[in-house]
Amino acid sequence: AHLLVTDIRMPEVGGLELVERLSAMSPPPVVIVISG
């Protein structure tokens, strides 16, 4: 994925944790976070 659009609050793995896990990718996708 080149761009990730993710909600910030989700069960098990939230948006910020998802972004942190993807930081190991080279290069990681750019990210847009959405929140209620």
PDB file of all heavy atoms in Angstrom:
ATOM      1  N   ALA A   1       0.858  -1.191   0.000  1.00  0.00           N
ATOM      2  CA  ALA A   1       0.000   0.000   0.000  1.00  0.00           C
ATOM      3  C   ALA A   1       0.892   1.238   0.000  1.00  0.00           C
ATOM      4  O   ALA A   1       1.888   1.289   0.723  1.00  0.00           O
ATOM      5  CB  ALA A   1      -0.906   0.008   1.220  1.00  0.00           C
ATOM      6  N   HIS A   2       0.548   2.205  -0.823  1.00  0.00           N
ATOM      7  CA  HIS A   2       1.304   3.455  -0.865  1.00  0.00           C
ATOM      8  C   HIS A   2       0.745   4.465   0.143  1.00  0.00           C
ATOM      9  O   HIS A   2       1.480   5.289   0.671  1.00  0.00           O
ATOM     10  CB  HIS A   2       1.262   4.046  -2.273  1.00  0.00           C
ATOM     11  CG  HIS A   2       1.841   3.143  -3.312  1.00  0.00           C
ATOM     12  ND1 HIS A   2       1.094   2.193  -3.971  1.00  0.00           N
ATOM     13  CD2 HIS A   2       3.109   3.002  -3.766  1.00  0.00           C
ATOM     14  CE1 HIS A   2       1.871   1.535  -4.813  1.00  0.00           C
ATOM     15  NE2 HIS A   2       3.094   2.001  -4.705  1.00  0.00           N
ATOM     16  N   LEU A   3      -0.582   4.370   0.371  1.00  0.00           N
ATOM     17  CA  LEU A   3      -1.244   5.258   1.321  1.00  0.00           C
ATOM     18  C   LEU A   3      -2.175   4.443   2.208  1.00  0.00           C
ATOM     19  O   LEU A   3      -2.930   3.598   1.715  1.00  0.00           O
ATOM     20  CB  LEU A   3      -2.052   6.336   0.579  1.00  0.00           C
ATOM     21  CG  LEU A   3      -3.037   7.169   1.407  1.00  0.00           C
ATOM     22  CD1 LEU A   3      -2.325   7.919   2.520  1.00  0.00           C
ATOM     23  CD2 LEU A   3      -3.806   8.124   0.509  1.00  0.00           C
ATOM     24  N   LEU A   4      -2.112   4.704   3.510  1.00  0.00           N
ATOM     25  CA  LEU A   4      -2.974   4.043   4.488  1.00  0.00           C
ATOM     26  C   LEU A   4      -3.897   5.089   5.102  1.00  0.00           C
ATOM     27  O   LEU A   4      -3.430   6.100   5.620  1.00  0.00           O
ATOM     28  CB  LEU A   4      -2.113   3.397   5.573  1.00  0.00           C
ATOM     29  CG  LEU A   4      -2.829   2.606   6.669  1.00  0.00           C
ATOM     30  CD1 LEU A   4      -3.363   1.297   6.107  1.00  0.00           C
ATOM     31  CD2 LEU A   4      -1.877   2.333   7.830  1.00  0.00           C
ATOM     32  N   VAL A   5      -5.199   4.853   5.018  1.00  0.00           N
ATOM     33  CA  VAL A   5      -6.191   5.703   5.670  1.00  0.00           C
ATOM     34  C   VAL A   5      -6.800   4.863   6.785  1.00  0.00           C
ATOM     35  O   VAL A   5      -7.516   3.896   6.519  1.00  0.00           O
ATOM     36  CB  VAL A   5      -7.286   6.166   4.689  1.00  0.00           C
ATOM     37  CG1 VAL A   5      -8.282   7.079   5.404  1.00  0.00           C
ATOM     38  CG2 VAL A   5      -6.672   6.877   3.490  1.00  0.00           C
ATOM     39  N   THR A   6      -6.503   5.192   8.038  1.00  0.00           N
ATOM     40  CA  THR A   6      -6.911   4.318   9.134  1.00  0.00           C
ATOM     41  C   THR A   6      -7.623   5.056  10.264  1.00  0.00           C
ATOM     42  O   THR A   6      -7.259   6.185  10.609  1.00  0.00           O
ATOM     43  CB  THR A   6      -5.693   3.567   9.711  1.00  0.00           C
ATOM     44  OG1 THR A   6      -6.114   2.714  10.788  1.00  0.00           O
ATOM     45  CG2 THR A   6      -4.635   4.521  10.226  1.00  0.00           C
ATOM     46  N   ASP A   7      -8.631   4.382  10.811  1.00  0.00           N
ATOM     47  CA  ASP A   7      -9.283   4.875  12.018  1.00  0.00           C
ATOM     48  C   ASP A   7      -8.289   4.738  13.173  1.00  0.00           C
ATOM     49  O   ASP A   7      -7.405   3.871  13.151  1.00  0.00           O
ATOM     50  CB  ASP A   7     -10.541   4.042  12.299  1.00  0.00           C
ATOM     51  CG  ASP A   7     -11.392   4.660  13.405  1.00  0.00           C
ATOM     52  OD1 ASP A   7     -11.148   5.819  13.760  1.00  0.00           O
ATOM     53  OD2 ASP A   7     -12.284   3.952  13.908  1.00  0.00           O
ATOM     54  N   ILE A   8      -8.422   5.582  14.180  1.00  0.00           N
ATOM     55  CA  ILE A   8      -7.464   5.546  15.275  1.00  0.00           C
ATOM     56  C   ILE A   8      -7.885   4.571  16.373  1.00  0.00           C
ATOM     57  O   ILE A   8      -7.036   3.989  17.056  1.00  0.00           O
ATOM     58  CB  ILE A   8      -7.270   6.969  15.846  1.00  0.00           C
ATOM     59  CG1 ILE A   8      -5.910   7.088  16.523  1.00  0.00           C
ATOM     60  CG2 ILE A   8      -8.400   7.353  16.782  1.00  0.00           C
ATOM     61  CD1 ILE A   8      -5.463   8.505  16.765  1.00  0.00           C
ATOM     62  N   ARG A   9      -9.208   4.377  16.547  1.00  0.00           N
ATOM     63  CA  ARG A   9      -9.694   3.482  17.593  1.00  0.00           C
ATOM     64  C   ARG A   9     -10.326   2.247  16.967  1.00  0.00           C
ATOM     65  O   ARG A   9     -11.390   2.321  16.337  1.00  0.00           O
ATOM     66  CB  ARG A   9     -10.725   4.194  18.463  1.00  0.00           C
ATOM     67  CG  ARG A   9     -10.125   5.179  19.445  1.00  0.00           C
ATOM     68  CD  ARG A   9     -11.197   5.683  20.401  1.00  0.00           C
ATOM     69  NE  ARG A   9     -10.625   6.504  21.469  1.00  0.00           N
ATOM     70  CZ  ARG A   9     -11.333   7.035  22.447  1.00  0.00           C
ATOM     71  NH1 ARG A   9     -12.649   6.807  22.495  1.00  0.00           N
ATOM     72  NH2 ARG A   9     -10.765   7.759  23.382  1.00  0.00           N
ATOM     73  N   MET A  10      -9.650   1.106  17.130  1.00  0.00           N
ATOM     74  CA  MET A  10     -10.162  -0.165  16.632  1.00  0.00           C
ATOM     75  C   MET A  10      -9.804  -1.254  17.639  1.00  0.00           C
ATOM     76  O   MET A  10      -8.808  -1.131  18.364  1.00  0.00           O
ATOM     77  CB  MET A  10      -9.555  -0.494  15.262  1.00  0.00           C
ATOM     78  CG  MET A  10      -9.945   0.448  14.149  1.00  0.00           C
ATOM     79  SD  MET A  10      -9.245  -0.032  12.545  1.00  0.00           S
ATOM     80  CE  MET A  10      -7.482   0.318  12.845  1.00  0.00           C
ATOM     81  N   PRO A  11     -10.588  -2.338  17.703  1.00  0.00           N
ATOM     82  CA  PRO A  11     -10.269  -3.437  18.628  1.00  0.00           C
ATOM     83  C   PRO A  11      -8.926  -4.090  18.268  1.00  0.00           C
ATOM     84  O   PRO A  11      -8.509  -4.064  17.115  1.00  0.00           O
ATOM     85  CB  PRO A  11     -11.421  -4.427  18.407  1.00  0.00           C
ATOM     86  CG  PRO A  11     -12.512  -3.623  17.781  1.00  0.00           C
ATOM     87  CD  PRO A  11     -11.832  -2.569  16.970  1.00  0.00           C
ATOM     88  N   GLU A  12      -8.260  -4.644  19.257  1.00  0.00           N
ATOM     89  CA  GLU A  12      -7.003  -5.404  19.111  1.00  0.00           C
ATOM     90  C   GLU A  12      -5.832  -4.531  18.664  1.00  0.00           C
ATOM     91  O   GLU A  12      -4.911  -4.281  19.428  1.00  0.00           O
ATOM     92  CB  GLU A  12      -7.189  -6.592  18.161  1.00  0.00           C
ATOM     93  CG  GLU A  12      -8.185  -7.634  18.649  1.00  0.00           C
ATOM     94  CD  GLU A  12      -8.252  -8.809  17.721  1.00  0.00           C
ATOM     95  OE1 GLU A  12      -7.364  -9.690  17.795  1.00  0.00           O
ATOM     96  OE2 GLU A  12      -9.202  -8.860  16.913  1.00  0.00           O
ATOM     97  N   VAL A  13      -5.851  -4.078  17.424  1.00  0.00           N
ATOM     98  CA  VAL A  13      -4.763  -3.236  16.906  1.00  0.00           C
ATOM     99  C   VAL A  13      -5.358  -1.913  16.437  1.00  0.00           C
ATOM    100  O   VAL A  13      -6.057  -1.854  15.422  1.00  0.00           O
ATOM    101  CB  VAL A  13      -4.025  -3.921  15.736  1.00  0.00           C
ATOM    102  CG1 VAL A  13      -2.945  -2.985  15.172  1.00  0.00           C
ATOM    103  CG2 VAL A  13      -3.398  -5.233  16.192  1.00  0.00           C
ATOM    104  N   GLY A  14      -5.100  -0.852  17.196  1.00  0.00           N
ATOM    105  CA  GLY A  14      -5.601   0.467  16.835  1.00  0.00           C
ATOM    106  C   GLY A  14      -4.767   1.104  15.742  1.00  0.00           C
ATOM    107  O   GLY A  14      -3.725   0.577  15.321  1.00  0.00           O
ATOM    108  N   GLY A  15      -5.230   2.276  15.274  1.00  0.00           N
ATOM    109  CA  GLY A  15      -4.556   2.943  14.171  1.00  0.00           C
ATOM    110  C   GLY A  15      -3.116   3.320  14.446  1.00  0.00           C
ATOM    111  O   GLY A  15      -2.233   3.111  13.611  1.00  0.00           O
ATOM    112  N   LEU A  16      -2.830   3.865  15.634  1.00  0.00           N
ATOM    113  CA  LEU A  16      -1.466   4.276  15.949  1.00  0.00           C
ATOM    114  C   LEU A  16      -0.540   3.078  16.109  1.00  0.00           C
ATOM    115  O   LEU A  16       0.625   3.117  15.700  1.00  0.00           O
ATOM    116  CB  LEU A  16      -1.448   5.134  17.214  1.00  0.00           C
ATOM    117  CG  LEU A  16      -2.152   6.492  17.100  1.00  0.00           C
ATOM    118  CD1 LEU A  16      -1.988   7.278  18.380  1.00  0.00           C
ATOM    119  CD2 LEU A  16      -1.630   7.278  15.908  1.00  0.00           C
ATOM    120  N   GLU A  17      -1.054   1.997  16.712  1.00  0.00           N
ATOM    121  CA  GLU A  17      -0.237   0.787  16.823  1.00  0.00           C
ATOM    122  C   GLU A  17       0.044   0.220  15.431  1.00  0.00           C
ATOM    123  O   GLU A  17       1.155  -0.258  15.160  1.00  0.00           O
ATOM    124  CB  GLU A  17      -0.938  -0.268  17.671  1.00  0.00           C
ATOM    125  CG  GLU A  17      -0.089  -1.522  17.892  1.00  0.00           C
ATOM    126  CD  GLU A  17      -0.780  -2.591  18.714  1.00  0.00           C
ATOM    127  OE1 GLU A  17      -1.838  -2.296  19.304  1.00  0.00           O
ATOM    128  OE2 GLU A  17      -0.248  -3.727  18.762  1.00  0.00           O
ATOM    129  N   LEU A  18      -0.936   0.289  14.557  1.00  0.00           N
ATOM    130  CA  LEU A  18      -0.752  -0.173  13.183  1.00  0.00           C
ATOM    131  C   LEU A  18       0.354   0.626  12.497  1.00  0.00           C
ATOM    132  O   LEU A  18       1.233   0.063  11.847  1.00  0.00           O
ATOM    133  CB  LEU A  18      -2.074  -0.020  12.412  1.00  0.00           C
ATOM    134  CG  LEU A  18      -2.065  -0.388  10.924  1.00  0.00           C
ATOM    135  CD1 LEU A  18      -1.670  -1.836  10.721  1.00  0.00           C
ATOM    136  CD2 LEU A  18      -3.439  -0.107  10.311  1.00  0.00           C
ATOM    137  N   VAL A  19       0.323   1.943  12.665  1.00  0.00           N
ATOM    138  CA  VAL A  19       1.346   2.806  12.066  1.00  0.00           C
ATOM    139  C   VAL A  19       2.728   2.467  12.618  1.00  0.00           C
ATOM    140  O   VAL A  19       3.718   2.393  11.882  1.00  0.00           O
ATOM    141  CB  VAL A  19       1.030   4.291  12.314  1.00  0.00           C
ATOM    142  CG1 VAL A  19       2.158   5.182  11.803  1.00  0.00           C
ATOM    143  CG2 VAL A  19      -0.281   4.670  11.635  1.00  0.00           C
ATOM    144  N   GLU A  20       2.818   2.237  13.933  1.00  0.00           N
ATOM    145  CA  GLU A  20       4.100   1.891  14.550  1.00  0.00           C
ATOM    146  C   GLU A  20       4.648   0.580  13.990  1.00  0.00           C
ATOM    147  O   GLU A  20       5.835   0.465  13.718  1.00  0.00           O
ATOM    148  CB  GLU A  20       3.945   1.795  16.063  1.00  0.00           C
ATOM    149  CG  GLU A  20       3.811   3.142  16.754  1.00  0.00           C
ATOM    150  CD  GLU A  20       3.780   3.014  18.262  1.00  0.00           C
ATOM    151  OE1 GLU A  20       2.766   2.530  18.797  1.00  0.00           O
ATOM    152  OE2 GLU A  20       4.777   3.395  18.905  1.00  0.00           O
ATOM    153  N   ARG A  21       3.773  -0.399  13.809  1.00  0.00           N
ATOM    154  CA  ARG A  21       4.221  -1.686  13.271  1.00  0.00           C
ATOM    155  C   ARG A  21       4.696  -1.567  11.827  1.00  0.00           C
ATOM    156  O   ARG A  21       5.616  -2.269  11.413  1.00  0.00           O
ATOM    157  CB  ARG A  21       3.086  -2.711  13.357  1.00  0.00           C
ATOM    158  CG  ARG A  21       2.724  -3.125  14.777  1.00  0.00           C
ATOM    159  CD  ARG A  21       1.934  -4.410  14.755  1.00  0.00           C
ATOM    160  NE  ARG A  21       1.379  -4.756  16.056  1.00  0.00           N
ATOM    161  CZ  ARG A  21       0.763  -5.900  16.307  1.00  0.00           C
ATOM    162  NH1 ARG A  21       0.592  -6.791  15.336  1.00  0.00           N
ATOM    163  NH2 ARG A  21       0.275  -6.153  17.502  1.00  0.00           N
ATOM    164  N   LEU A  22       4.080  -0.668  11.085  1.00  0.00           N
ATOM    165  CA  LEU A  22       4.445  -0.507   9.678  1.00  0.00           C
ATOM    166  C   LEU A  22       5.725   0.302   9.490  1.00  0.00           C
ATOM    167  O   LEU A  22       6.273   0.346   8.399  1.00  0.00           O
ATOM    168  CB  LEU A  22       3.299   0.177   8.922  1.00  0.00           C
ATOM    169  CG  LEU A  22       1.990  -0.606   8.818  1.00  0.00           C
ATOM    170  CD1 LEU A  22       0.961   0.181   8.039  1.00  0.00           C
ATOM    171  CD2 LEU A  22       2.226  -1.960   8.161  1.00  0.00           C
ATOM    172  N   SER A  23       6.189   0.944  10.562  1.00  0.00           N
ATOM    173  CA  SER A  23       7.392   1.782  10.447  1.00  0.00           C
ATOM    174  C   SER A  23       8.621   0.972  10.078  1.00  0.00           C
ATOM    175  O   SER A  23       9.616   1.524   9.598  1.00  0.00           O
ATOM    176  CB  SER A  23       7.643   2.535  11.755  1.00  0.00           C
ATOM    177  OG  SER A  23       7.909   1.626  12.819  1.00  0.00           O
ATOM    178  N   ALA A  24       8.564  -0.345  10.268  1.00  0.00           N
ATOM    179  CA  ALA A  24       9.707  -1.198   9.927  1.00  0.00           C
ATOM    180  C   ALA A  24       9.798  -1.445   8.424  1.00  0.00           C
ATOM    181  O   ALA A  24      10.829  -1.907   7.929  1.00  0.00           O
ATOM    182  CB  ALA A  24       9.598  -2.535  10.659  1.00  0.00           C
ATOM    183  N   MET A  25       8.723  -1.146   7.702  1.00  0.00           N
ATOM    184  CA  MET A  25       8.738  -1.331   6.252  1.00  0.00           C
ATOM    185  C   MET A  25       9.656  -0.293   5.609  1.00  0.00           C
ATOM    186  O   MET A  25       9.878   0.779   6.148  1.00  0.00           O
ATOM    187  CB  MET A  25       7.326  -1.201   5.683  1.00  0.00           C
ATOM    188  CG  MET A  25       6.345  -2.252   6.161  1.00  0.00           C
ATOM    189  SD  MET A  25       4.653  -1.965   5.577  1.00  0.00           S
ATOM    190  CE  MET A  25       4.892  -2.097   3.796  1.00  0.00           C
ATOM    191  N   SER A  26      10.202  -0.633   4.440  1.00  0.00           N
ATOM    192  CA  SER A  26      11.130   0.278   3.777  1.00  0.00           C
ATOM    193  C   SER A  26      10.725   0.493   2.306  1.00  0.00           C
ATOM    194  O   SER A  26      11.009  -0.359   1.466  1.00  0.00           O
ATOM    195  CB  SER A  26      12.551  -0.268   3.863  1.00  0.00           C
ATOM    196  OG  SER A  26      13.468   0.615   3.255  1.00  0.00           O
ATOM    197  N   PRO A  27      10.138   1.669   2.017  1.00  0.00           N
ATOM    198  CA  PRO A  27       9.638   2.661   2.968  1.00  0.00           C
ATOM    199  C   PRO A  27       8.228   2.298   3.401  1.00  0.00           C
ATOM    200  O   PRO A  27       7.521   1.600   2.667  1.00  0.00           O
ATOM    201  CB  PRO A  27       9.635   3.948   2.135  1.00  0.00           C
ATOM    202  CG  PRO A  27       9.344   3.482   0.745  1.00  0.00           C
ATOM    203  CD  PRO A  27      10.011   2.132   0.617  1.00  0.00           C
ATOM    204  N   PRO A  28       7.799   2.762   4.577  1.00  0.00           N
ATOM    205  CA  PRO A  28       6.421   2.492   5.012  1.00  0.00           C
ATOM    206  C   PRO A  28       5.446   3.344   4.200  1.00  0.00           C
ATOM    207  O   PRO A  28       5.840   4.358   3.622  1.00  0.00           O
ATOM    208  CB  PRO A  28       6.433   2.918   6.476  1.00  0.00           C
ATOM    209  CG  PRO A  28       7.493   3.957   6.544  1.00  0.00           C
ATOM    210  CD  PRO A  28       8.542   3.548   5.555  1.00  0.00           C
ATOM    211  N   PRO A  29       4.167   2.973   4.143  1.00  0.00           N
ATOM    212  CA  PRO A  29       3.197   3.814   3.444  1.00  0.00           C
ATOM    213  C   PRO A  29       2.995   5.123   4.187  1.00  0.00           C
ATOM    214  O   PRO A  29       3.204   5.192   5.397  1.00  0.00           O
ATOM    215  CB  PRO A  29       1.918   2.966   3.455  1.00  0.00           C
ATOM    216  CG  PRO A  29       2.082   2.050   4.626  1.00  0.00           C
ATOM    217  CD  PRO A  29       3.546   1.761   4.723  1.00  0.00           C
ATOM    218  N   VAL A  30       2.604   6.158   3.473  1.00  0.00           N
ATOM    219  CA  VAL A  30       2.228   7.394   4.145  1.00  0.00           C
ATOM    220  C   VAL A  30       0.845   7.165   4.757  1.00  0.00           C
ATOM    221  O   VAL A  30       0.097   6.297   4.307  1.00  0.00           O
ATOM    222  CB  VAL A  30       2.213   8.593   3.171  1.00  0.00           C
ATOM    223  CG1 VAL A  30       3.617   8.931   2.716  1.00  0.00           C
ATOM    224  CG2 VAL A  30       1.323   8.316   1.970  1.00  0.00           C
ATOM    225  N   VAL A  31       0.522   7.941   5.787  1.00  0.00           N
ATOM    226  CA  VAL A  31      -0.675   7.623   6.577  1.00  0.00           C
ATOM    227  C   VAL A  31      -1.544   8.849   6.818  1.00  0.00           C
ATOM    228  O   VAL A  31      -1.046   9.943   7.108  1.00  0.00           O
ATOM    229  CB  VAL A  31      -0.277   7.019   7.945  1.00  0.00           C
ATOM    230  CG1 VAL A  31      -1.526   6.688   8.770  1.00  0.00           C
ATOM    231  CG2 VAL A  31       0.579   5.760   7.761  1.00  0.00           C
ATOM    232  N   ILE A  32      -2.849   8.633   6.687  1.00  0.00           N
ATOM    233  CA  ILE A  32      -3.858   9.589   7.128  1.00  0.00           C
ATOM    234  C   ILE A  32      -4.639   8.918   8.252  1.00  0.00           C
ATOM    235  O   ILE A  32      -5.109   7.795   8.091  1.00  0.00           O
ATOM    236  CB  ILE A  32      -4.826   9.972   5.995  1.00  0.00           C
ATOM    237  CG1 ILE A  32      -4.085  10.731   4.891  1.00  0.00           C
ATOM    238  CG2 ILE A  32      -5.991  10.805   6.526  1.00  0.00           C
ATOM    239  CD1 ILE A  32      -4.929  10.974   3.653  1.00  0.00           C
ATOM    240  N   VAL A  33      -4.743   9.572   9.402  1.00  0.00           N
ATOM    241  CA  VAL A  33      -5.483   9.026  10.539  1.00  0.00           C
ATOM    242  C   VAL A  33      -6.819   9.734  10.656  1.00  0.00           C
ATOM    243  O   VAL A  33      -6.889  10.963  10.506  1.00  0.00           O
ATOM    244  CB  VAL A  33      -4.664   9.194  11.844  1.00  0.00           C
ATOM    245  CG1 VAL A  33      -5.555   9.030  13.059  1.00  0.00           C
ATOM    246  CG2 VAL A  33      -3.530   8.173  11.894  1.00  0.00           C
ATOM    247  N   ILE A  34      -7.886   8.974  10.910  1.00  0.00           N
ATOM    248  CA  ILE A  34      -9.206   9.553  11.132  1.00  0.00           C
ATOM    249  C   ILE A  34      -9.685   9.180  12.530  1.00  0.00           C
ATOM    250  O   ILE A  34      -9.359   8.113  13.038  1.00  0.00           O
ATOM    251  CB  ILE A  34     -10.218   9.091  10.069  1.00  0.00           C
ATOM    252  CG1 ILE A  34     -10.308   7.561  10.017  1.00  0.00           C
ATOM    253  CG2 ILE A  34      -9.845   9.634   8.702  1.00  0.00           C
ATOM    254  CD1 ILE A  34     -11.312   7.041   9.023  1.00  0.00           C
ATOM    255  N   SER A  35     -10.434  10.070  13.142  1.00  0.00           N
ATOM    256  CA  SER A  35     -10.871   9.834  14.517  1.00  0.00           C
ATOM    257  C   SER A  35     -12.223  10.483  14.767  1.00  0.00           C
ATOM    258  O   SER A  35     -12.543  11.531  14.188  1.00  0.00           O
ATOM    259  CB  SER A  35      -9.840  10.395  15.494  1.00  0.00           C
ATOM    260  OG  SER A  35     -10.304  10.294  16.830  1.00  0.00           O
ATOM    261  N   GLY A  36     -12.996   9.847  15.634  1.00  0.00           N
ATOM    262  CA  GLY A  36     -14.278  10.418  16.018  1.00  0.00           C
ATOM    263  C   GLY A  36     -14.166  11.375  17.179  1.00  0.00           C
ATOM    264  O   GLY A  36     -15.149  11.986  17.595  1.00  0.00           O
TER     265      GLY A  36
END
